[in-house]
């Protein structure tokens, strides 16, 4: 049965389909410890459902098994040496860098639609076997209190790297995860062993030292958290460490040796959108809220809103102005773009712009 489901998943663009066991009780102490140390920062939703995150059958009553799905997201035209190309972007102080996964269509929509389609196909496949009880399911992708990485690793999608992300020997970590909770009992897939060895590249490269121990991330220091999840003012001590990241951060993935095996997506959804790559900060700072909403329509970036967008750009611009290479940026243009934001109605934007200009 799983072989047939996997074949269906492949036609929908999924890289791998597997089945996770329901008993995640051994993951609860780590989750509780992480929450008790407030490593989740302002992400209150992480604690809101307590240990339900580790108890699929409590989260969705009637669940008998969980299908896990993996989908590659590198753009279709990704060339060999893409990691070095990304490092060059991060070394260019004038360029505003958006995380690779966010340069195309919003993955929440892509995965959710395809997970729903897969579930409907499974329903048709199992129709006779399920009579008279019927088929019930719920699909998730980064959208509910689900321990996605834990379910993925326990179902053999990969292992947890020291950066806490899931790693796969054939695909690195450049993929999205999704789940389908089913009221159908399927045998669990076999997990695989970890292959990080003594490597600490991801820990060593983190600009803000957010990976405080193998597999333990303090989100409050993570650039992805600071630019996306965190609302309000960013700690001044962390701002200089954020470089030119304006939405997310891929550093721990770019340095990972396993990502030389990362695979391009087969879907056009994750192709790079015009205006999100290779852009200088001055141009993006000049976007009005209307322009921001237009250019980010259907993108995951839209959810942070225009205020956080300008805040992030102000930090990146401040770091650029401090850059020692005078020829690398047009300082006058960047200062002018920042000064135009000094009258912004948001106190958060104004504060970060003042900080940037003072650099």
C-alpha atoms as a PDB file:
ATOM      1  CA  UNK A   1       0.000   0.000   0.000  1.00  0.00           C
ATOM      2  CA  UNK A   2       2.755   2.471   0.942  1.00  0.00           C
ATOM      3  CA  UNK A   3       4.467   1.831  -2.395  1.00  0.00           C
ATOM      4  CA  UNK A   4       1.317   2.924  -4.215  1.00  0.00           C
ATOM      5  CA  UNK A   5       1.016   6.035  -2.017  1.00  0.00           C
ATOM      6  CA  UNK A   6       4.664   6.884  -2.654  1.00  0.00           C
ATOM      7  CA  UNK A   7       4.078   6.628  -6.407  1.00  0.00           C
ATOM      8  CA  UNK A   8       1.140   9.017  -6.102  1.00  0.00           C
ATOM      9  CA  UNK A   9       3.278  11.394  -4.080  1.00  0.00           C
ATOM     10  CA  UNK A  10       6.010  11.377  -6.704  1.00  0.00           C
ATOM     11  CA  UNK A  11       3.583  12.508  -9.404  1.00  0.00           C
ATOM     12  CA  UNK A  12       2.673  15.461  -7.172  1.00  0.00           C
ATOM     13  CA  UNK A  13       6.276  16.603  -6.825  1.00  0.00           C
ATOM     14  CA  UNK A  14       7.093  15.059  -3.452  1.00  0.00           C
ATOM     15  CA  UNK A  15      10.625  13.724  -3.087  1.00  0.00           C
ATOM     16  CA  UNK A  16       9.748  11.118  -0.486  1.00  0.00           C
ATOM     17  CA  UNK A  17       6.710   9.770   1.370  1.00  0.00           C
ATOM     18  CA  UNK A  18       7.082   7.742   4.554  1.00  0.00           C
ATOM     19  CA  UNK A  19       5.126   6.723   7.660  1.00  0.00           C
ATOM     20  CA  UNK A  20       6.015   7.895  11.172  1.00  0.00           C
ATOM     21  CA  UNK A  21       5.216   6.085  14.419  1.00  0.00           C
ATOM     22  CA  UNK A  22       2.750   7.810  16.753  1.00  0.00           C
ATOM     23  CA  UNK A  23       4.749   7.400  19.943  1.00  0.00           C
ATOM     24  CA  UNK A  24       6.943  10.510  20.242  1.00  0.00           C
ATOM     25  CA  UNK A  25       7.099  10.430  24.037  1.00  0.00           C
ATOM     26  CA  UNK A  26      10.905  10.271  24.077  1.00  0.00           C
ATOM     27  CA  UNK A  27      10.958  13.700  22.383  1.00  0.00           C
ATOM     28  CA  UNK A  28       8.909  15.356  25.131  1.00  0.00           C
ATOM     29  CA  UNK A  29      11.750  16.063  27.611  1.00  0.00           C
ATOM     30  CA  UNK A  30      13.776  17.909  24.957  1.00  0.00           C
ATOM     31  CA  UNK A  31      10.729  19.936  23.925  1.00  0.00           C
ATOM     32  CA  UNK A  32       9.894  20.774  27.538  1.00  0.00           C
ATOM     33  CA  UNK A  33      13.480  21.799  28.252  1.00  0.00           C
ATOM     34  CA  UNK A  34      13.585  24.000  25.143  1.00  0.00           C
ATOM     35  CA  UNK A  35      10.368  25.749  26.124  1.00  0.00           C
ATOM     36  CA  UNK A  36      11.348  26.134  29.799  1.00  0.00           C
ATOM     37  CA  UNK A  37      14.484  28.026  28.764  1.00  0.00           C
ATOM     38  CA  UNK A  38      12.377  30.367  26.614  1.00  0.00           C
ATOM     39  CA  UNK A  39      14.381  29.456  23.535  1.00  0.00           C
ATOM     40  CA  UNK A  40      11.156  29.893  21.538  1.00  0.00           C
ATOM     41  CA  UNK A  41      11.259  33.648  22.207  1.00  0.00           C
ATOM     42  CA  UNK A  42       7.999  35.387  21.357  1.00  0.00           C
ATOM     43  CA  UNK A  43       6.633  32.375  19.469  1.00  0.00           C
ATOM     44  CA  UNK A  44       3.959  31.774  22.100  1.00  0.00           C
ATOM     45  CA  UNK A  45       2.181  29.294  19.858  1.00  0.00           C
ATOM     46  CA  UNK A  46       5.081  26.887  20.445  1.00  0.00           C
ATOM     47  CA  UNK A  47       3.990  26.472  24.067  1.00  0.00           C
ATOM     48  CA  UNK A  48       0.272  27.024  23.649  1.00  0.00           C
ATOM     49  CA  UNK A  49      -0.626  23.381  23.039  1.00  0.00           C
ATOM     50  CA  UNK A  50       1.737  21.899  25.604  1.00  0.00           C
ATOM     51  CA  UNK A  51       2.811  18.350  24.857  1.00  0.00           C
ATOM     52  CA  UNK A  52       0.146  17.869  22.183  1.00  0.00           C
ATOM     53  CA  UNK A  53       2.924  18.612  19.700  1.00  0.00           C
ATOM     54  CA  UNK A  54       4.464  15.279  20.632  1.00  0.00           C
ATOM     55  CA  UNK A  55       1.157  13.406  20.763  1.00  0.00           C
ATOM     56  CA  UNK A  56      -0.387  13.159  17.276  1.00  0.00           C
ATOM     57  CA  UNK A  57      -3.402  11.156  18.450  1.00  0.00           C
ATOM     58  CA  UNK A  58      -4.249  13.876  21.003  1.00  0.00           C
ATOM     59  CA  UNK A  59      -3.766  16.689  18.530  1.00  0.00           C
ATOM     60  CA  UNK A  60      -6.039  14.996  15.983  1.00  0.00           C
ATOM     61  CA  UNK A  61      -8.274  12.411  17.702  1.00  0.00           C
ATOM     62  CA  UNK A  62      -8.674   9.253  15.662  1.00  0.00           C
ATOM     63  CA  UNK A  63      -5.197   9.435  14.136  1.00  0.00           C
ATOM     64  CA  UNK A  64      -3.751   5.964  13.573  1.00  0.00           C
ATOM     65  CA  UNK A  65      -0.708   6.890  11.477  1.00  0.00           C
ATOM     66  CA  UNK A  66       1.111   9.923  10.106  1.00  0.00           C
ATOM     67  CA  UNK A  67       2.362  10.198   6.554  1.00  0.00           C
ATOM     68  CA  UNK A  68       5.420  12.414   6.244  1.00  0.00           C
ATOM     69  CA  UNK A  69       6.276  14.159   2.997  1.00  0.00           C
ATOM     70  CA  UNK A  70       9.434  15.853   1.758  1.00  0.00           C
ATOM     71  CA  UNK A  71       9.622  18.306  -1.163  1.00  0.00           C
ATOM     72  CA  UNK A  72      12.802  19.820  -2.606  1.00  0.00           C
ATOM     73  CA  UNK A  73      12.731  23.591  -3.046  1.00  0.00           C
ATOM     74  CA  UNK A  74      15.849  24.728  -4.861  1.00  0.00           C
ATOM     75  CA  UNK A  75      14.735  26.526  -8.066  1.00  0.00           C
ATOM     76  CA  UNK A  76      14.676  24.414 -11.227  1.00  0.00           C
ATOM     77  CA  UNK A  77      17.534  26.379 -12.804  1.00  0.00           C
ATOM     78  CA  UNK A  78      19.879  25.942  -9.817  1.00  0.00           C
ATOM     79  CA  UNK A  79      23.388  25.418 -11.169  1.00  0.00           C
ATOM     80  CA  UNK A  80      26.320  23.480  -9.757  1.00  0.00           C
ATOM     81  CA  UNK A  81      28.190  25.628  -7.267  1.00  0.00           C
ATOM     82  CA  UNK A  82      25.007  27.312  -6.032  1.00  0.00           C
ATOM     83  CA  UNK A  83      26.344  27.395  -2.452  1.00  0.00           C
ATOM     84  CA  UNK A  84      29.335  29.516  -3.407  1.00  0.00           C
ATOM     85  CA  UNK A  85      27.040  31.807  -5.406  1.00  0.00           C
ATOM     86  CA  UNK A  86      24.999  32.368  -2.250  1.00  0.00           C
ATOM     87  CA  UNK A  87      28.128  33.102  -0.205  1.00  0.00           C
ATOM     88  CA  UNK A  88      29.046  35.753  -2.786  1.00  0.00           C
ATOM     89  CA  UNK A  89      25.652  37.412  -2.229  1.00  0.00           C
ATOM     90  CA  UNK A  90      26.278  37.501   1.500  1.00  0.00           C
ATOM     91  CA  UNK A  91      29.690  39.070   0.943  1.00  0.00           C
ATOM     92  CA  UNK A  92      28.186  41.840  -1.197  1.00  0.00           C
ATOM     93  CA  UNK A  93      27.173  44.548   1.313  1.00  0.00           C
ATOM     94  CA  UNK A  94      24.929  46.312  -1.191  1.00  0.00           C
ATOM     95  CA  UNK A  95      22.675  43.324  -1.859  1.00  0.00           C
ATOM     96  CA  UNK A  96      19.660  42.550   0.319  1.00  0.00           C
ATOM     97  CA  UNK A  97      19.538  38.762   0.731  1.00  0.00           C
ATOM     98  CA  UNK A  98      16.326  36.769   1.004  1.00  0.00           C
ATOM     99  CA  UNK A  99      16.531  33.142   2.129  1.00  0.00           C
ATOM    100  CA  UNK A 100      16.492  30.697  -0.800  1.00  0.00           C
ATOM    101  CA  UNK A 101      13.239  29.001   0.222  1.00  0.00           C
ATOM    102  CA  UNK A 102      11.325  32.302   0.180  1.00  0.00           C
ATOM    103  CA  UNK A 103      12.206  33.444  -3.331  1.00  0.00           C
ATOM    104  CA  UNK A 104       9.331  31.627  -4.993  1.00  0.00           C
ATOM    105  CA  UNK A 105       5.701  30.924  -4.193  1.00  0.00           C
ATOM    106  CA  UNK A 106       4.585  30.523  -0.577  1.00  0.00           C
ATOM    107  CA  UNK A 107       5.445  26.920   0.308  1.00  0.00           C
ATOM    108  CA  UNK A 108       2.523  26.707   2.735  1.00  0.00           C
ATOM    109  CA  UNK A 109       0.109  26.951  -0.191  1.00  0.00           C
ATOM    110  CA  UNK A 110       2.072  24.677  -2.508  1.00  0.00           C
ATOM    111  CA  UNK A 111       2.507  21.838  -0.024  1.00  0.00           C
ATOM    112  CA  UNK A 112      -0.919  22.124   1.557  1.00  0.00           C
ATOM    113  CA  UNK A 113      -2.699  21.909  -1.810  1.00  0.00           C
ATOM    114  CA  UNK A 114      -0.635  18.916  -2.888  1.00  0.00           C
ATOM    115  CA  UNK A 115      -1.012  17.170   0.464  1.00  0.00           C
ATOM    116  CA  UNK A 116      -4.771  17.583   0.195  1.00  0.00           C
ATOM    117  CA  UNK A 117      -4.678  16.167  -3.339  1.00  0.00           C
ATOM    118  CA  UNK A 118      -2.597  13.218  -2.155  1.00  0.00           C
ATOM    119  CA  UNK A 119      -5.034  12.556   0.703  1.00  0.00           C
ATOM    120  CA  UNK A 120      -7.959  12.544  -1.734  1.00  0.00           C
ATOM    121  CA  UNK A 121      -6.115  10.072  -3.948  1.00  0.00           C
ATOM    122  CA  UNK A 122      -5.445   7.857  -0.923  1.00  0.00           C
ATOM    123  CA  UNK A 123      -9.146   8.014  -0.108  1.00  0.00           C
ATOM    124  CA  UNK A 124      -9.958   6.721  -3.578  1.00  0.00           C
ATOM    125  CA  UNK A 125      -7.279   4.040  -3.262  1.00  0.00           C
ATOM    126  CA  UNK A 126      -8.641   2.793   0.071  1.00  0.00           C
ATOM    127  CA  UNK A 127     -12.337   3.389  -0.544  1.00  0.00           C
ATOM    128  CA  UNK A 128     -13.451  -0.238  -0.409  1.00  0.00           C
ATOM    129  CA  UNK A 129     -11.199  -1.179   2.520  1.00  0.00           C
ATOM    130  CA  UNK A 130     -12.493   1.685   4.646  1.00  0.00           C
ATOM    131  CA  UNK A 131     -16.193   0.982   4.365  1.00  0.00           C
ATOM    132  CA  UNK A 132     -18.303   1.683   6.368  1.00  0.00           C
ATOM    133  CA  UNK A 133     -16.163   3.970   8.571  1.00  0.00           C
ATOM    134  CA  UNK A 134     -14.896   6.309   5.892  1.00  0.00           C
ATOM    135  CA  UNK A 135     -11.621   8.167   5.451  1.00  0.00           C
ATOM    136  CA  UNK A 136     -10.550  11.099   7.609  1.00  0.00           C
ATOM    137  CA  UNK A 137      -7.369  13.118   7.459  1.00  0.00           C
ATOM    138  CA  UNK A 138      -5.726  16.447   8.294  1.00  0.00           C
ATOM    139  CA  UNK A 139      -2.807  17.858   6.355  1.00  0.00           C
ATOM    140  CA  UNK A 140      -0.181  20.146   7.870  1.00  0.00           C
ATOM    141  CA  UNK A 141       2.872  22.003   6.709  1.00  0.00           C
ATOM    142  CA  UNK A 142       4.448  24.293   9.265  1.00  0.00           C
ATOM    143  CA  UNK A 143       0.913  25.328  10.182  1.00  0.00           C
ATOM    144  CA  UNK A 144       0.001  23.579  13.430  1.00  0.00           C
ATOM    145  CA  UNK A 145       1.562  22.301  16.672  1.00  0.00           C
ATOM    146  CA  UNK A 146       3.273  19.371  14.959  1.00  0.00           C
ATOM    147  CA  UNK A 147       6.808  18.109  15.632  1.00  0.00           C
ATOM    148  CA  UNK A 148       7.580  17.998  11.918  1.00  0.00           C
ATOM    149  CA  UNK A 149      11.296  17.302  12.129  1.00  0.00           C
ATOM    150  CA  UNK A 150      10.758  14.608  14.753  1.00  0.00           C
ATOM    151  CA  UNK A 151       8.120  12.858  12.656  1.00  0.00           C
ATOM    152  CA  UNK A 152      10.307  13.172   9.568  1.00  0.00           C
ATOM    153  CA  UNK A 153      13.380  11.640  11.198  1.00  0.00           C
ATOM    154  CA  UNK A 154      11.460   8.824  12.839  1.00  0.00           C
ATOM    155  CA  UNK A 155       9.955   7.917   9.472  1.00  0.00           C
ATOM    156  CA  UNK A 156      13.321   7.757   7.722  1.00  0.00           C
ATOM    157  CA  UNK A 157      13.226  11.053   5.842  1.00  0.00           C
ATOM    158  CA  UNK A 158      16.667  11.846   7.274  1.00  0.00           C
ATOM    159  CA  UNK A 159      18.375  12.621  10.566  1.00  0.00           C
ATOM    160  CA  UNK A 160      18.556  15.736  12.730  1.00  0.00           C
ATOM    161  CA  UNK A 161      21.642  17.765  11.937  1.00  0.00           C
ATOM    162  CA  UNK A 162      23.452  19.748  14.604  1.00  0.00           C
ATOM    163  CA  UNK A 163      21.578  22.815  13.345  1.00  0.00           C
ATOM    164  CA  UNK A 164      18.365  20.898  14.264  1.00  0.00           C
ATOM    165  CA  UNK A 165      17.195  20.663  10.638  1.00  0.00           C
ATOM    166  CA  UNK A 166      16.534  17.346   8.904  1.00  0.00           C
ATOM    167  CA  UNK A 167      19.373  16.100   6.691  1.00  0.00           C
ATOM    168  CA  UNK A 168      19.099  13.534   3.921  1.00  0.00           C
ATOM    169  CA  UNK A 169      22.083  11.837   2.270  1.00  0.00           C
ATOM    170  CA  UNK A 170      20.661  12.339  -1.228  1.00  0.00           C
ATOM    171  CA  UNK A 171      19.117  15.790  -0.733  1.00  0.00           C
ATOM    172  CA  UNK A 172      20.919  17.678   2.037  1.00  0.00           C
ATOM    173  CA  UNK A 173      18.439  19.896   3.885  1.00  0.00           C
ATOM    174  CA  UNK A 174      16.989  22.090   1.135  1.00  0.00           C
ATOM    175  CA  UNK A 175      13.461  20.731   1.333  1.00  0.00           C
ATOM    176  CA  UNK A 176      10.100  21.393   2.957  1.00  0.00           C
ATOM    177  CA  UNK A 177       8.251  18.980   5.214  1.00  0.00           C
ATOM    178  CA  UNK A 178       4.563  18.199   5.436  1.00  0.00           C
ATOM    179  CA  UNK A 179       2.343  15.645   7.159  1.00  0.00           C
ATOM    180  CA  UNK A 180      -0.987  13.925   6.710  1.00  0.00           C
ATOM    181  CA  UNK A 181      -2.638  12.596   9.867  1.00  0.00           C
ATOM    182  CA  UNK A 182      -4.741   9.565   8.893  1.00  0.00           C
ATOM    183  CA  UNK A 183      -7.394   7.433  10.538  1.00  0.00           C
ATOM    184  CA  UNK A 184      -5.768   4.497   8.736  1.00  0.00           C
ATOM    185  CA  UNK A 185      -3.134   2.284  10.375  1.00  0.00           C
ATOM    186  CA  UNK A 186      -0.033   1.941   8.198  1.00  0.00           C
ATOM    187  CA  UNK A 187       3.240   0.284   9.247  1.00  0.00           C
ATOM    188  CA  UNK A 188       5.939   2.780  10.213  1.00  0.00           C
ATOM    189  CA  UNK A 189       8.940   3.267   7.938  1.00  0.00           C
ATOM    190  CA  UNK A 190      12.446   2.535   9.176  1.00  0.00           C
ATOM    191  CA  UNK A 191      14.495   5.475  10.526  1.00  0.00           C
ATOM    192  CA  UNK A 192      18.066   6.002   9.338  1.00  0.00           C
ATOM    193  CA  UNK A 193      21.262   6.667  11.244  1.00  0.00           C
ATOM    194  CA  UNK A 194      22.858  10.098  11.623  1.00  0.00           C
ATOM    195  CA  UNK A 195      25.843  11.052   9.475  1.00  0.00           C
ATOM    196  CA  UNK A 196      27.172  14.321  10.873  1.00  0.00           C
ATOM    197  CA  UNK A 197      30.075  12.706  12.697  1.00  0.00           C
ATOM    198  CA  UNK A 198      32.451  15.218  14.277  1.00  0.00           C
ATOM    199  CA  UNK A 199      31.519  18.025  11.878  1.00  0.00           C
ATOM    200  CA  UNK A 200      30.534  21.290  13.586  1.00  0.00           C
ATOM    201  CA  UNK A 201      30.495  23.530  10.495  1.00  0.00           C
ATOM    202  CA  UNK A 202      26.908  24.710  11.059  1.00  0.00           C
ATOM    203  CA  UNK A 203      27.597  25.603  14.696  1.00  0.00           C
ATOM    204  CA  UNK A 204      30.806  27.434  13.837  1.00  0.00           C
ATOM    205  CA  UNK A 205      29.359  29.486  10.960  1.00  0.00           C
ATOM    206  CA  UNK A 206      26.230  30.805  12.709  1.00  0.00           C
ATOM    207  CA  UNK A 207      26.686  34.609  12.762  1.00  0.00           C
ATOM    208  CA  UNK A 208      24.797  35.107  16.030  1.00  0.00           C
ATOM    209  CA  UNK A 209      25.846  31.876  17.765  1.00  0.00           C
ATOM    210  CA  UNK A 210      22.234  30.733  17.914  1.00  0.00           C
ATOM    211  CA  UNK A 211      23.184  27.027  17.841  1.00  0.00           C
ATOM    212  CA  UNK A 212      24.273  26.752  21.440  1.00  0.00           C
ATOM    213  CA  UNK A 213      24.808  22.970  21.394  1.00  0.00           C
ATOM    214  CA  UNK A 214      24.369  20.180  18.831  1.00  0.00           C
ATOM    215  CA  UNK A 215      20.670  20.106  18.007  1.00  0.00           C
ATOM    216  CA  UNK A 216      19.824  22.970  20.368  1.00  0.00           C
ATOM    217  CA  UNK A 217      18.932  26.360  18.881  1.00  0.00           C
ATOM    218  CA  UNK A 218      18.108  29.492  20.839  1.00  0.00           C
ATOM    219  CA  UNK A 219      15.580  31.034  18.458  1.00  0.00           C
ATOM    220  CA  UNK A 220      15.984  34.415  20.129  1.00  0.00           C
ATOM    221  CA  UNK A 221      19.418  34.691  18.520  1.00  0.00           C
ATOM    222  CA  UNK A 222      18.556  33.082  15.173  1.00  0.00           C
ATOM    223  CA  UNK A 223      18.487  35.475  12.200  1.00  0.00           C
ATOM    224  CA  UNK A 224      15.528  33.615  10.679  1.00  0.00           C
ATOM    225  CA  UNK A 225      13.566  34.198  13.881  1.00  0.00           C
ATOM    226  CA  UNK A 226      14.687  37.827  14.202  1.00  0.00           C
ATOM    227  CA  UNK A 227      13.752  38.767  10.627  1.00  0.00           C
ATOM    228  CA  UNK A 228      10.507  36.787  10.398  1.00  0.00           C
ATOM    229  CA  UNK A 229       8.930  35.806  13.703  1.00  0.00           C
ATOM    230  CA  UNK A 230      10.174  38.563  15.994  1.00  0.00           C
ATOM    231  CA  UNK A 231       8.015  41.656  16.227  1.00  0.00           C
ATOM    232  CA  UNK A 232       9.337  44.970  17.475  1.00  0.00           C
ATOM    233  CA  UNK A 233      12.870  46.110  18.132  1.00  0.00           C
ATOM    234  CA  UNK A 234      15.848  43.841  17.432  1.00  0.00           C
ATOM    235  CA  UNK A 235      18.513  43.652  20.142  1.00  0.00           C
ATOM    236  CA  UNK A 236      21.217  46.185  19.238  1.00  0.00           C
ATOM    237  CA  UNK A 237      23.936  43.689  20.130  1.00  0.00           C
ATOM    238  CA  UNK A 238      22.638  41.305  17.445  1.00  0.00           C
ATOM    239  CA  UNK A 239      22.099  43.830  14.642  1.00  0.00           C
ATOM    240  CA  UNK A 240      25.748  44.068  13.497  1.00  0.00           C
ATOM    241  CA  UNK A 241      25.881  40.257  13.315  1.00  0.00           C
ATOM    242  CA  UNK A 242      22.936  40.043  10.910  1.00  0.00           C
ATOM    243  CA  UNK A 243      24.880  41.293   7.908  1.00  0.00           C
ATOM    244  CA  UNK A 244      22.721  41.745   4.806  1.00  0.00           C
ATOM    245  CA  UNK A 245      20.104  39.092   5.643  1.00  0.00           C
ATOM    246  CA  UNK A 246      16.675  40.711   5.321  1.00  0.00           C
ATOM    247  CA  UNK A 247      14.437  37.634   5.383  1.00  0.00           C
ATOM    248  CA  UNK A 248      15.643  34.384   6.859  1.00  0.00           C
ATOM    249  CA  UNK A 249      19.155  32.961   6.938  1.00  0.00           C
ATOM    250  CA  UNK A 250      20.705  29.970   5.160  1.00  0.00           C
ATOM    251  CA  UNK A 251      24.243  30.130   6.557  1.00  0.00           C
ATOM    252  CA  UNK A 252      24.076  26.863   8.497  1.00  0.00           C
ATOM    253  CA  UNK A 253      22.752  25.110   5.390  1.00  0.00           C
ATOM    254  CA  UNK A 254      25.162  26.731   2.932  1.00  0.00           C
ATOM    255  CA  UNK A 255      28.146  25.495   4.924  1.00  0.00           C
ATOM    256  CA  UNK A 256      26.805  21.965   5.374  1.00  0.00           C
ATOM    257  CA  UNK A 257      28.762  19.412   3.294  1.00  0.00           C
ATOM    258  CA  UNK A 258      25.621  17.359   2.731  1.00  0.00           C
ATOM    259  CA  UNK A 259      24.028  20.163   0.739  1.00  0.00           C
ATOM    260  CA  UNK A 260      26.332  19.469  -2.182  1.00  0.00           C
ATOM    261  CA  UNK A 261      23.729  16.757  -2.811  1.00  0.00           C
ATOM    262  CA  UNK A 262      20.747  19.133  -2.559  1.00  0.00           C
ATOM    263  CA  UNK A 263      18.268  18.588  -5.388  1.00  0.00           C
ATOM    264  CA  UNK A 264      16.400  21.150  -7.475  1.00  0.00           C
ATOM    265  CA  UNK A 265      12.616  21.103  -7.330  1.00  0.00           C
ATOM    266  CA  UNK A 266      10.627  19.705 -10.239  1.00  0.00           C
ATOM    267  CA  UNK A 267       7.978  22.386  -9.734  1.00  0.00           C
ATOM    268  CA  UNK A 268       7.874  25.911 -11.213  1.00  0.00           C
ATOM    269  CA  UNK A 269       6.395  27.221  -7.956  1.00  0.00           C
ATOM    270  CA  UNK A 270       9.823  27.637  -6.374  1.00  0.00           C
ATOM    271  CA  UNK A 271      11.445  29.419  -9.307  1.00  0.00           C
ATOM    272  CA  UNK A 272      12.882  32.798  -8.277  1.00  0.00           C
ATOM    273  CA  UNK A 273      10.456  35.687  -8.522  1.00  0.00           C
ATOM    274  CA  UNK A 274      11.553  38.868 -10.191  1.00  0.00           C
ATOM    275  CA  UNK A 275      12.632  41.562  -7.752  1.00  0.00           C
ATOM    276  CA  UNK A 276      13.648  39.308  -4.848  1.00  0.00           C
ATOM    277  CA  UNK A 277      17.220  38.441  -5.833  1.00  0.00           C
ATOM    278  CA  UNK A 278      20.095  40.722  -6.716  1.00  0.00           C
ATOM    279  CA  UNK A 279      18.326  43.823  -5.409  1.00  0.00           C
ATOM    280  CA  UNK A 280      20.100  46.653  -3.660  1.00  0.00           C
ATOM    281  CA  UNK A 281      18.782  47.881  -0.336  1.00  0.00           C
ATOM    282  CA  UNK A 282      18.040  51.419  -1.459  1.00  0.00           C
ATOM    283  CA  UNK A 283      15.528  50.192  -4.015  1.00  0.00           C
ATOM    284  CA  UNK A 284      13.756  47.899  -1.560  1.00  0.00           C
ATOM    285  CA  UNK A 285      13.671  50.602   1.122  1.00  0.00           C
ATOM    286  CA  UNK A 286      11.814  52.801  -1.360  1.00  0.00           C
ATOM    287  CA  UNK A 287       8.923  50.360  -1.732  1.00  0.00           C
ATOM    288  CA  UNK A 288       5.693  51.784  -0.407  1.00  0.00           C
ATOM    289  CA  UNK A 289       3.415  49.433   1.507  1.00  0.00           C
ATOM    290  CA  UNK A 290       1.290  49.067  -1.635  1.00  0.00           C
ATOM    291  CA  UNK A 291       4.360  48.101  -3.656  1.00  0.00           C
ATOM    292  CA  UNK A 292       5.498  45.696  -0.943  1.00  0.00           C
ATOM    293  CA  UNK A 293       2.123  43.947  -1.017  1.00  0.00           C
ATOM    294  CA  UNK A 294       2.138  43.812  -4.802  1.00  0.00           C
ATOM    295  CA  UNK A 295       5.657  42.439  -5.171  1.00  0.00           C
ATOM    296  CA  UNK A 296       5.206  39.867  -2.400  1.00  0.00           C
ATOM    297  CA  UNK A 297       1.735  38.644  -3.399  1.00  0.00           C
ATOM    298  CA  UNK A 298       1.684  34.851  -3.068  1.00  0.00           C
ATOM    299  CA  UNK A 299       5.093  34.928  -1.346  1.00  0.00           C
ATOM    300  CA  UNK A 300       5.851  33.842   2.240  1.00  0.00           C
ATOM    301  CA  UNK A 301       7.533  37.238   2.701  1.00  0.00           C
ATOM    302  CA  UNK A 302       4.217  39.047   2.696  1.00  0.00           C
ATOM    303  CA  UNK A 303       3.277  37.723   6.120  1.00  0.00           C
ATOM    304  CA  UNK A 304       5.930  39.763   7.949  1.00  0.00           C
ATOM    305  CA  UNK A 305       4.307  43.007   6.774  1.00  0.00           C
ATOM    306  CA  UNK A 306       5.846  46.242   5.528  1.00  0.00           C
ATOM    307  CA  UNK A 307       7.033  47.467   8.950  1.00  0.00           C
ATOM    308  CA  UNK A 308       9.198  44.404   9.638  1.00  0.00           C
ATOM    309  CA  UNK A 309      10.405  44.520   6.032  1.00  0.00           C
ATOM    310  CA  UNK A 310      11.663  48.095   6.501  1.00  0.00           C
ATOM    311  CA  UNK A 311      13.078  47.258   9.931  1.00  0.00           C
ATOM    312  CA  UNK A 312      15.094  44.385   8.487  1.00  0.00           C
ATOM    313  CA  UNK A 313      16.305  46.506   5.583  1.00  0.00           C
ATOM    314  CA  UNK A 314      17.356  49.284   7.951  1.00  0.00           C
ATOM    315  CA  UNK A 315      19.539  46.850   9.910  1.00  0.00           C
ATOM    316  CA  UNK A 316      21.099  45.519   6.710  1.00  0.00           C
ATOM    317  CA  UNK A 317      21.625  49.070   5.427  1.00  0.00           C
ATOM    318  CA  UNK A 318      23.311  50.076   8.682  1.00  0.00           C
ATOM    319  CA  UNK A 319      25.671  47.137   8.358  1.00  0.00           C
ATOM    320  CA  UNK A 320      26.385  48.083   4.744  1.00  0.00           C
ATOM    321  CA  UNK A 321      27.198  51.680   5.657  1.00  0.00           C
ATOM    322  CA  UNK A 322      29.772  50.413   8.107  1.00  0.00           C
ATOM    323  CA  UNK A 323      31.451  48.288   5.453  1.00  0.00           C
ATOM    324  CA  UNK A 324      35.099  49.104   4.927  1.00  0.00           C
ATOM    325  CA  UNK A 325      34.991  48.814   1.131  1.00  0.00           C
ATOM    326  CA  UNK A 326      34.015  52.304   0.007  1.00  0.00           C
ATOM    327  CA  UNK A 327      33.479  51.161  -3.577  1.00  0.00           C
ATOM    328  CA  UNK A 328      31.106  48.323  -2.644  1.00  0.00           C
ATOM    329  CA  UNK A 329      28.059  50.524  -2.042  1.00  0.00           C
ATOM    330  CA  UNK A 330      26.615  53.875  -3.039  1.00  0.00           C
ATOM    331  CA  UNK A 331      26.598  55.406   0.421  1.00  0.00           C
ATOM    332  CA  UNK A 332      24.851  58.606  -0.606  1.00  0.00           C
ATOM    333  CA  UNK A 333      22.004  56.676  -2.249  1.00  0.00           C
ATOM    334  CA  UNK A 334      21.634  54.372   0.734  1.00  0.00           C
ATOM    335  CA  UNK A 335      21.627  57.235   3.235  1.00  0.00           C
ATOM    336  CA  UNK A 336      19.020  59.040   1.147  1.00  0.00           C
ATOM    337  CA  UNK A 337      16.800  55.932   1.111  1.00  0.00           C
ATOM    338  CA  UNK A 338      17.111  55.627   4.878  1.00  0.00           C
ATOM    339  CA  UNK A 339      16.430  59.312   5.479  1.00  0.00           C
ATOM    340  CA  UNK A 340      13.221  58.999   3.488  1.00  0.00           C
ATOM    341  CA  UNK A 341      12.029  56.546   6.155  1.00  0.00           C
ATOM    342  CA  UNK A 342      12.707  58.856   9.097  1.00  0.00           C
ATOM    343  CA  UNK A 343       9.139  60.107   8.992  1.00  0.00           C
ATOM    344  CA  UNK A 344       7.601  56.620   8.841  1.00  0.00           C
ATOM    345  CA  UNK A 345       4.638  56.306  11.242  1.00  0.00           C
ATOM    346  CA  UNK A 346       6.131  53.214  12.896  1.00  0.00           C
ATOM    347  CA  UNK A 347       8.390  53.881  15.873  1.00  0.00           C
ATOM    348  CA  UNK A 348      10.118  50.554  15.214  1.00  0.00           C
ATOM    349  CA  UNK A 349      11.060  51.607  11.687  1.00  0.00           C
ATOM    350  CA  UNK A 350      12.260  55.033  12.815  1.00  0.00           C
ATOM    351  CA  UNK A 351      14.382  53.552  15.624  1.00  0.00           C
ATOM    352  CA  UNK A 352      16.187  51.139  13.303  1.00  0.00           C
ATOM    353  CA  UNK A 353      16.657  53.814  10.633  1.00  0.00           C
ATOM    354  CA  UNK A 354      18.251  56.161  13.201  1.00  0.00           C
ATOM    355  CA  UNK A 355      20.531  53.311  14.271  1.00  0.00           C
ATOM    356  CA  UNK A 356      21.514  52.626  10.666  1.00  0.00           C
ATOM    357  CA  UNK A 357      22.312  56.259   9.910  1.00  0.00           C
ATOM    358  CA  UNK A 358      24.395  56.494  13.062  1.00  0.00           C
ATOM    359  CA  UNK A 359      26.574  53.674  11.802  1.00  0.00           C
END
